[in-house]
Amino acid sequence: MHELPEGFADTLARVIDPAQREAAAGIIEAATMLDDLGLRRFLQLFAARVRTSSEPVRADELRRFLQQAAL
């Protein structure tokens, strides 16, 4: 199994809306319960969002990614 890159938590903290970090953490934790394909989809959606906008990621966006990934 691969380890997360050093500073991963700091990177997440920079891209997530500070007021929604707790909710976002719960959604990300739920995403880790997906099967490999679902988790991959979630991470791809999340990464695409970060690449396309400098706005902080909100919990409702992550929730939507989780729902899409679980299909």
PDB file of N, CA and C in Angstrom:
ATOM      1  N   MET A   1       0.842  -1.176   0.000  1.00  0.00           N
ATOM      2  CA  MET A   1       0.000   0.000   0.000  1.00  0.00           C
ATOM      3  C   MET A   1       0.891   1.244   0.000  1.00  0.00           C
ATOM      4  N   HIS A   2       0.479   2.241  -0.720  1.00  0.00           N
ATOM      5  CA  HIS A   2       1.241   3.483  -0.805  1.00  0.00           C
ATOM      6  C   HIS A   2       0.888   4.393   0.360  1.00  0.00           C
ATOM      7  N   GLU A   3       1.864   5.140   0.823  1.00  0.00           N
ATOM      8  CA  GLU A   3       1.643   6.113   1.875  1.00  0.00           C
ATOM      9  C   GLU A   3       1.238   7.440   1.269  1.00  0.00           C
ATOM     10  N   LEU A   4       0.556   8.243   2.075  1.00  0.00           N
ATOM     11  CA  LEU A   4       0.197   9.581   1.628  1.00  0.00           C
ATOM     12  C   LEU A   4       1.464  10.428   1.582  1.00  0.00           C
ATOM     13  N   PRO A   5       1.514  11.374   0.655  1.00  0.00           N
ATOM     14  CA  PRO A   5       2.712  12.220   0.570  1.00  0.00           C
ATOM     15  C   PRO A   5       2.873  13.062   1.835  1.00  0.00           C
ATOM     16  N   GLU A   6       4.102  13.380   2.150  1.00  0.00           N
ATOM     17  CA  GLU A   6       4.383  14.247   3.287  1.00  0.00           C
ATOM     18  C   GLU A   6       3.687  15.594   3.069  1.00  0.00           C
ATOM     19  N   GLY A   7       3.082  16.120   4.093  1.00  0.00           N
ATOM     20  CA  GLY A   7       2.385  17.401   3.985  1.00  0.00           C
ATOM     21  C   GLY A   7       0.985  17.299   3.415  1.00  0.00           C
ATOM     22  N   PHE A   8       0.486  16.085   3.245  1.00  0.00           N
ATOM     23  CA  PHE A   8      -0.840  15.892   2.636  1.00  0.00           C
ATOM     24  C   PHE A   8      -1.931  16.616   3.431  1.00  0.00           C
ATOM     25  N   ALA A   9      -1.896  16.499   4.754  1.00  0.00           N
ATOM     26  CA  ALA A   9      -2.908  17.151   5.592  1.00  0.00           C
ATOM     27  C   ALA A   9      -2.847  18.667   5.432  1.00  0.00           C
ATOM     28  N   ASP A  10      -1.656  19.219   5.336  1.00  0.00           N
ATOM     29  CA  ASP A  10      -1.514  20.662   5.137  1.00  0.00           C
ATOM     30  C   ASP A  10      -2.081  21.095   3.791  1.00  0.00           C
ATOM     31  N   THR A  11      -1.855  20.266   2.781  1.00  0.00           N
ATOM     32  CA  THR A  11      -2.394  20.562   1.453  1.00  0.00           C
ATOM     33  C   THR A  11      -3.915  20.567   1.486  1.00  0.00           C
ATOM     34  N   LEU A  12      -4.503  19.564   2.130  1.00  0.00           N
ATOM     35  CA  LEU A  12      -5.964  19.523   2.257  1.00  0.00           C
ATOM     36  C   LEU A  12      -6.476  20.758   2.976  1.00  0.00           C
ATOM     37  N   ALA A  13      -5.808  21.136   4.042  1.00  0.00           N
ATOM     38  CA  ALA A  13      -6.236  22.304   4.819  1.00  0.00           C
ATOM     39  C   ALA A  13      -6.224  23.572   3.974  1.00  0.00           C
ATOM     40  N   ARG A  14      -5.322  23.662   3.031  1.00  0.00           N
ATOM     41  CA  ARG A  14      -5.240  24.853   2.174  1.00  0.00           C
ATOM     42  C   ARG A  14      -6.363  24.917   1.149  1.00  0.00           C
ATOM     43  N   VAL A  15      -6.875  23.777   0.711  1.00  0.00           N
ATOM     44  CA  VAL A  15      -7.873  23.795  -0.370  1.00  0.00           C
ATOM     45  C   VAL A  15      -9.312  23.702   0.135  1.00  0.00           C
ATOM     46  N   ILE A  16      -9.514  23.363   1.409  1.00  0.00           N
ATOM     47  CA  ILE A  16     -10.865  23.217   1.958  1.00  0.00           C
ATOM     48  C   ILE A  16     -11.258  24.491   2.690  1.00  0.00           C
ATOM     49  N   ASP A  17     -12.502  24.894   2.514  1.00  0.00           N
ATOM     50  CA  ASP A  17     -13.043  26.065   3.195  1.00  0.00           C
ATOM     51  C   ASP A  17     -12.824  25.903   4.702  1.00  0.00           C
ATOM     52  N   PRO A  18     -12.113  26.838   5.338  1.00  0.00           N
ATOM     53  CA  PRO A  18     -11.799  26.697   6.761  1.00  0.00           C
ATOM     54  C   PRO A  18     -13.034  26.503   7.648  1.00  0.00           C
ATOM     55  N   ALA A  19     -14.125  27.130   7.319  1.00  0.00           N
ATOM     56  CA  ALA A  19     -15.340  27.016   8.135  1.00  0.00           C
ATOM     57  C   ALA A  19     -15.999  25.647   7.988  1.00  0.00           C
ATOM     58  N   GLN A  20     -15.560  24.862   7.001  1.00  0.00           N
ATOM     59  CA  GLN A  20     -16.207  23.582   6.725  1.00  0.00           C
ATOM     60  C   GLN A  20     -15.256  22.399   6.867  1.00  0.00           C
ATOM     61  N   ARG A  21     -14.142  22.604   7.527  1.00  0.00           N
ATOM     62  CA  ARG A  21     -13.142  21.531   7.638  1.00  0.00           C
ATOM     63  C   ARG A  21     -13.669  20.307   8.366  1.00  0.00           C
ATOM     64  N   GLU A  22     -14.423  20.506   9.437  1.00  0.00           N
ATOM     65  CA  GLU A  22     -14.929  19.352  10.193  1.00  0.00           C
ATOM     66  C   GLU A  22     -15.894  18.526   9.348  1.00  0.00           C
ATOM     67  N   ALA A  23     -16.819  19.198   8.669  1.00  0.00           N
ATOM     68  CA  ALA A  23     -17.759  18.487   7.796  1.00  0.00           C
ATOM     69  C   ALA A  23     -17.010  17.810   6.654  1.00  0.00           C
ATOM     70  N   ALA A  24     -16.042  18.507   6.084  1.00  0.00           N
ATOM     71  CA  ALA A  24     -15.253  17.942   4.986  1.00  0.00           C
ATOM     72  C   ALA A  24     -14.496  16.704   5.445  1.00  0.00           C
ATOM     73  N   ALA A  25     -13.953  16.740   6.658  1.00  0.00           N
ATOM     74  CA  ALA A  25     -13.221  15.586   7.181  1.00  0.00           C
ATOM     75  C   ALA A  25     -14.128  14.364   7.284  1.00  0.00           C
ATOM     76  N   GLY A  26     -15.369  14.578   7.714  1.00  0.00           N
ATOM     77  CA  GLY A  26     -16.312  13.468   7.800  1.00  0.00           C
ATOM     78  C   GLY A  26     -16.640  12.881   6.443  1.00  0.00           C
ATOM     79  N   ILE A  27     -16.758  13.737   5.449  1.00  0.00           N
ATOM     80  CA  ILE A  27     -17.077  13.279   4.092  1.00  0.00           C
ATOM     81  C   ILE A  27     -15.880  12.528   3.502  1.00  0.00           C
ATOM     82  N   ILE A  28     -14.690  13.049   3.719  1.00  0.00           N
ATOM     83  CA  ILE A  28     -13.486  12.368   3.222  1.00  0.00           C
ATOM     84  C   ILE A  28     -13.337  11.019   3.915  1.00  0.00           C
ATOM     85  N   GLU A  29     -13.623  10.974   5.200  1.00  0.00           N
ATOM     86  CA  GLU A  29     -13.564   9.695   5.915  1.00  0.00           C
ATOM     87  C   GLU A  29     -14.568   8.708   5.327  1.00  0.00           C
ATOM     88  N   ALA A  30     -15.776   9.187   5.016  1.00  0.00           N
ATOM     89  CA  ALA A  30     -16.787   8.315   4.404  1.00  0.00           C
ATOM     90  C   ALA A  30     -16.300   7.809   3.046  1.00  0.00           C
ATOM     91  N   ALA A  31     -15.598   8.652   2.304  1.00  0.00           N
ATOM     92  CA  ALA A  31     -15.084   8.243   0.990  1.00  0.00           C
ATOM     93  C   ALA A  31     -14.090   7.089   1.114  1.00  0.00           C
ATOM     94  N   THR A  32     -13.377   7.025   2.228  1.00  0.00           N
ATOM     95  CA  THR A  32     -12.405   5.941   2.399  1.00  0.00           C
ATOM     96  C   THR A  32     -13.096   4.595   2.584  1.00  0.00           C
ATOM     97  N   MET A  33     -14.392   4.614   2.846  1.00  0.00           N
ATOM     98  CA  MET A  33     -15.153   3.374   3.004  1.00  0.00           C
ATOM     99  C   MET A  33     -15.647   2.820   1.662  1.00  0.00           C
ATOM    100  N   LEU A  34     -15.511   3.611   0.605  1.00  0.00           N
ATOM    101  CA  LEU A  34     -15.904   3.154  -0.722  1.00  0.00           C
ATOM    102  C   LEU A  34     -14.963   2.039  -1.181  1.00  0.00           C
ATOM    103  N   ASP A  35     -15.412   1.283  -2.163  1.00  0.00           N
ATOM    104  CA  ASP A  35     -14.491   0.314  -2.752  1.00  0.00           C
ATOM    105  C   ASP A  35     -13.418   1.079  -3.526  1.00  0.00           C
ATOM    106  N   ASP A  36     -12.426   0.375  -4.011  1.00  0.00           N
ATOM    107  CA  ASP A  36     -11.292   1.030  -4.677  1.00  0.00           C
ATOM    108  C   ASP A  36     -11.731   1.917  -5.838  1.00  0.00           C
ATOM    109  N   LEU A  37     -12.650   1.426  -6.652  1.00  0.00           N
ATOM    110  CA  LEU A  37     -13.111   2.197  -7.803  1.00  0.00           C
ATOM    111  C   LEU A  37     -13.850   3.457  -7.358  1.00  0.00           C
ATOM    112  N   GLY A  38     -14.696   3.320  -6.348  1.00  0.00           N
ATOM    113  CA  GLY A  38     -15.435   4.477  -5.841  1.00  0.00           C
ATOM    114  C   GLY A  38     -14.506   5.520  -5.248  1.00  0.00           C
ATOM    115  N   LEU A  39     -13.538   5.076  -4.476  1.00  0.00           N
ATOM    116  CA  LEU A  39     -12.573   6.012  -3.894  1.00  0.00           C
ATOM    117  C   LEU A  39     -11.775   6.701  -4.986  1.00  0.00           C
ATOM    118  N   ARG A  40     -11.390   5.946  -6.001  1.00  0.00           N
ATOM    119  CA  ARG A  40     -10.666   6.551  -7.124  1.00  0.00           C
ATOM    120  C   ARG A  40     -11.510   7.636  -7.794  1.00  0.00           C
ATOM    121  N   ARG A  41     -12.793   7.343  -8.023  1.00  0.00           N
ATOM    122  CA  ARG A  41     -13.687   8.345  -8.631  1.00  0.00           C
ATOM    123  C   ARG A  41     -13.784   9.594  -7.757  1.00  0.00           C
ATOM    124  N   PHE A  42     -13.974   9.378  -6.447  1.00  0.00           N
ATOM    125  CA  PHE A  42     -14.066  10.511  -5.519  1.00  0.00           C
ATOM    126  C   PHE A  42     -12.813  11.383  -5.606  1.00  0.00           C
ATOM    127  N   LEU A  43     -11.648  10.757  -5.543  1.00  0.00           N
ATOM    128  CA  LEU A  43     -10.397  11.504  -5.586  1.00  0.00           C
ATOM    129  C   LEU A  43     -10.195  12.206  -6.917  1.00  0.00           C
ATOM    130  N   GLN A  44     -10.621  11.581  -8.007  1.00  0.00           N
ATOM    131  CA  GLN A  44     -10.507  12.223  -9.316  1.00  0.00           C
ATOM    132  C   GLN A  44     -11.399  13.460  -9.388  1.00  0.00           C
ATOM    133  N   LEU A  45     -12.625  13.343  -8.888  1.00  0.00           N
ATOM    134  CA  LEU A  45     -13.536  14.493  -8.872  1.00  0.00           C
ATOM    135  C   LEU A  45     -12.979  15.609  -8.007  1.00  0.00           C
ATOM    136  N   PHE A  46     -12.481  15.252  -6.846  1.00  0.00           N
ATOM    137  CA  PHE A  46     -11.901  16.219  -5.916  1.00  0.00           C
ATOM    138  C   PHE A  46     -10.696  16.914  -6.565  1.00  0.00           C
ATOM    139  N   ALA A  47      -9.796  16.140  -7.148  1.00  0.00           N
ATOM    140  CA  ALA A  47      -8.604  16.704  -7.785  1.00  0.00           C
ATOM    141  C   ALA A  47      -8.962  17.610  -8.952  1.00  0.00           C
ATOM    142  N   ALA A  48      -9.939  17.199  -9.748  1.00  0.00           N
ATOM    143  CA  ALA A  48     -10.356  18.024 -10.887  1.00  0.00           C
ATOM    144  C   ALA A  48     -10.902  19.358 -10.399  1.00  0.00           C
ATOM    145  N   ARG A  49     -11.657  19.321  -9.325  1.00  0.00           N
ATOM    146  CA  ARG A  49     -12.217  20.561  -8.768  1.00  0.00           C
ATOM    147  C   ARG A  49     -11.102  21.487  -8.288  1.00  0.00           C
ATOM    148  N   VAL A  50     -10.110  20.942  -7.614  1.00  0.00           N
ATOM    149  CA  VAL A  50      -8.997  21.754  -7.111  1.00  0.00           C
ATOM    150  C   VAL A  50      -8.210  22.360  -8.271  1.00  0.00           C
ATOM    151  N   ARG A  51      -8.046  21.589  -9.350  1.00  0.00           N
ATOM    152  CA  ARG A  51      -7.301  22.093 -10.519  1.00  0.00           C
ATOM    153  C   ARG A  51      -8.037  23.205 -11.246  1.00  0.00           C
ATOM    154  N   THR A  52      -9.365  23.180 -11.225  1.00  0.00           N
ATOM    155  CA  THR A  52     -10.128  24.122 -12.047  1.00  0.00           C
ATOM    156  C   THR A  52     -10.550  25.397 -11.334  1.00  0.00           C
ATOM    157  N   SER A  53     -10.355  25.467 -10.013  1.00  0.00           N
ATOM    158  CA  SER A  53     -10.772  26.661  -9.287  1.00  0.00           C
ATOM    159  C   SER A  53      -9.875  26.884  -8.079  1.00  0.00           C
ATOM    160  N   SER A  54      -9.566  28.133  -7.828  1.00  0.00           N
ATOM    161  CA  SER A  54      -8.770  28.464  -6.648  1.00  0.00           C
ATOM    162  C   SER A  54      -9.651  28.737  -5.430  1.00  0.00           C
ATOM    163  N   GLU A  55     -10.969  28.690  -5.613  1.00  0.00           N
ATOM    164  CA  GLU A  55     -11.894  28.878  -4.496  1.00  0.00           C
ATOM    165  C   GLU A  55     -11.790  27.693  -3.540  1.00  0.00           C
ATOM    166  N   PRO A  56     -11.941  27.936  -2.240  1.00  0.00           N
ATOM    167  CA  PRO A  56     -11.912  26.818  -1.287  1.00  0.00           C
ATOM    168  C   PRO A  56     -13.023  25.806  -1.586  1.00  0.00           C
ATOM    169  N   VAL A  57     -12.718  24.541  -1.386  1.00  0.00           N
ATOM    170  CA  VAL A  57     -13.685  23.463  -1.612  1.00  0.00           C
ATOM    171  C   VAL A  57     -14.642  23.435  -0.425  1.00  0.00           C
ATOM    172  N   ARG A  58     -15.934  23.384  -0.722  1.00  0.00           N
ATOM    173  CA  ARG A  58     -16.965  23.367   0.312  1.00  0.00           C
ATOM    174  C   ARG A  58     -17.437  21.932   0.559  1.00  0.00           C
ATOM    175  N   ALA A  59     -17.981  21.725   1.736  1.00  0.00           N
ATOM    176  CA  ALA A  59     -18.460  20.395   2.124  1.00  0.00           C
ATOM    177  C   ALA A  59     -19.544  19.898   1.172  1.00  0.00           C
ATOM    178  N   ASP A  60     -20.429  20.780   0.703  1.00  0.00           N
ATOM    179  CA  ASP A  60     -21.494  20.325  -0.197  1.00  0.00           C
ATOM    180  C   ASP A  60     -20.923  19.799  -1.507  1.00  0.00           C
ATOM    181  N   GLU A  61     -19.809  20.361  -1.956  1.00  0.00           N
ATOM    182  CA  GLU A  61     -19.162  19.839  -3.162  1.00  0.00           C
ATOM    183  C   GLU A  61     -18.617  18.435  -2.907  1.00  0.00           C
ATOM    184  N   LEU A  62     -17.951  18.272  -1.771  1.00  0.00           N
ATOM    185  CA  LEU A  62     -17.405  16.954  -1.438  1.00  0.00           C
ATOM    186  C   LEU A  62     -18.520  15.929  -1.284  1.00  0.00           C
ATOM    187  N   ARG A  63     -19.629  16.332  -0.692  1.00  0.00           N
ATOM    188  CA  ARG A  63     -20.768  15.431  -0.535  1.00  0.00           C
ATOM    189  C   ARG A  63     -21.280  14.981  -1.919  1.00  0.00           C
ATOM    190  N   ARG A  64     -21.340  15.918  -2.840  1.00  0.00           N
ATOM    191  CA  ARG A  64     -21.783  15.604  -4.197  1.00  0.00           C
ATOM    192  C   ARG A  64     -20.799  14.637  -4.873  1.00  0.00           C
ATOM    193  N   PHE A  65     -19.504  14.864  -4.682  1.00  0.00           N
ATOM    194  CA  PHE A  65     -18.491  13.962  -5.242  1.00  0.00           C
ATOM    195  C   PHE A  65     -18.659  12.557  -4.656  1.00  0.00           C
ATOM    196  N   LEU A  66     -18.928  12.492  -3.355  1.00  0.00           N
ATOM    197  CA  LEU A  66     -19.122  11.200  -2.694  1.00  0.00           C
ATOM    198  C   LEU A  66     -20.330  10.474  -3.273  1.00  0.00           C
ATOM    199  N   GLN A  67     -21.406  11.203  -3.472  1.00  0.00           N
ATOM    200  CA  GLN A  67     -22.609  10.595  -4.049  1.00  0.00           C
ATOM    201  C   GLN A  67     -22.345  10.111  -5.463  1.00  0.00           C
ATOM    202  N   GLN A  68     -21.651  10.899  -6.263  1.00  0.00           N
ATOM    203  CA  GLN A  68     -21.354  10.497  -7.640  1.00  0.00           C
ATOM    204  C   GLN A  68     -20.424   9.270  -7.656  1.00  0.00           C
ATOM    205  N   ALA A  69     -19.463   9.248  -6.749  1.00  0.00           N
ATOM    206  CA  ALA A  69     -18.499   8.163  -6.710  1.00  0.00           C
ATOM    207  C   ALA A  69     -19.121   6.853  -6.256  1.00  0.00           C
ATOM    208  N   ALA A  70     -20.179   6.954  -5.463  1.00  0.00           N
ATOM    209  CA  ALA A  70     -20.813   5.752  -4.919  1.00  0.00           C
ATOM    210  C   ALA A  70     -21.746   5.078  -5.927  1.00  0.00           C
ATOM    211  N   LEU A  71     -22.022   5.724  -7.030  1.00  0.00           N
ATOM    212  CA  LEU A  71     -22.943   5.137  -8.038  1.00  0.00           C
ATOM    213  C   LEU A  71     -22.326   3.974  -8.765  1.00  0.00           C
TER     214      LEU A  71
END
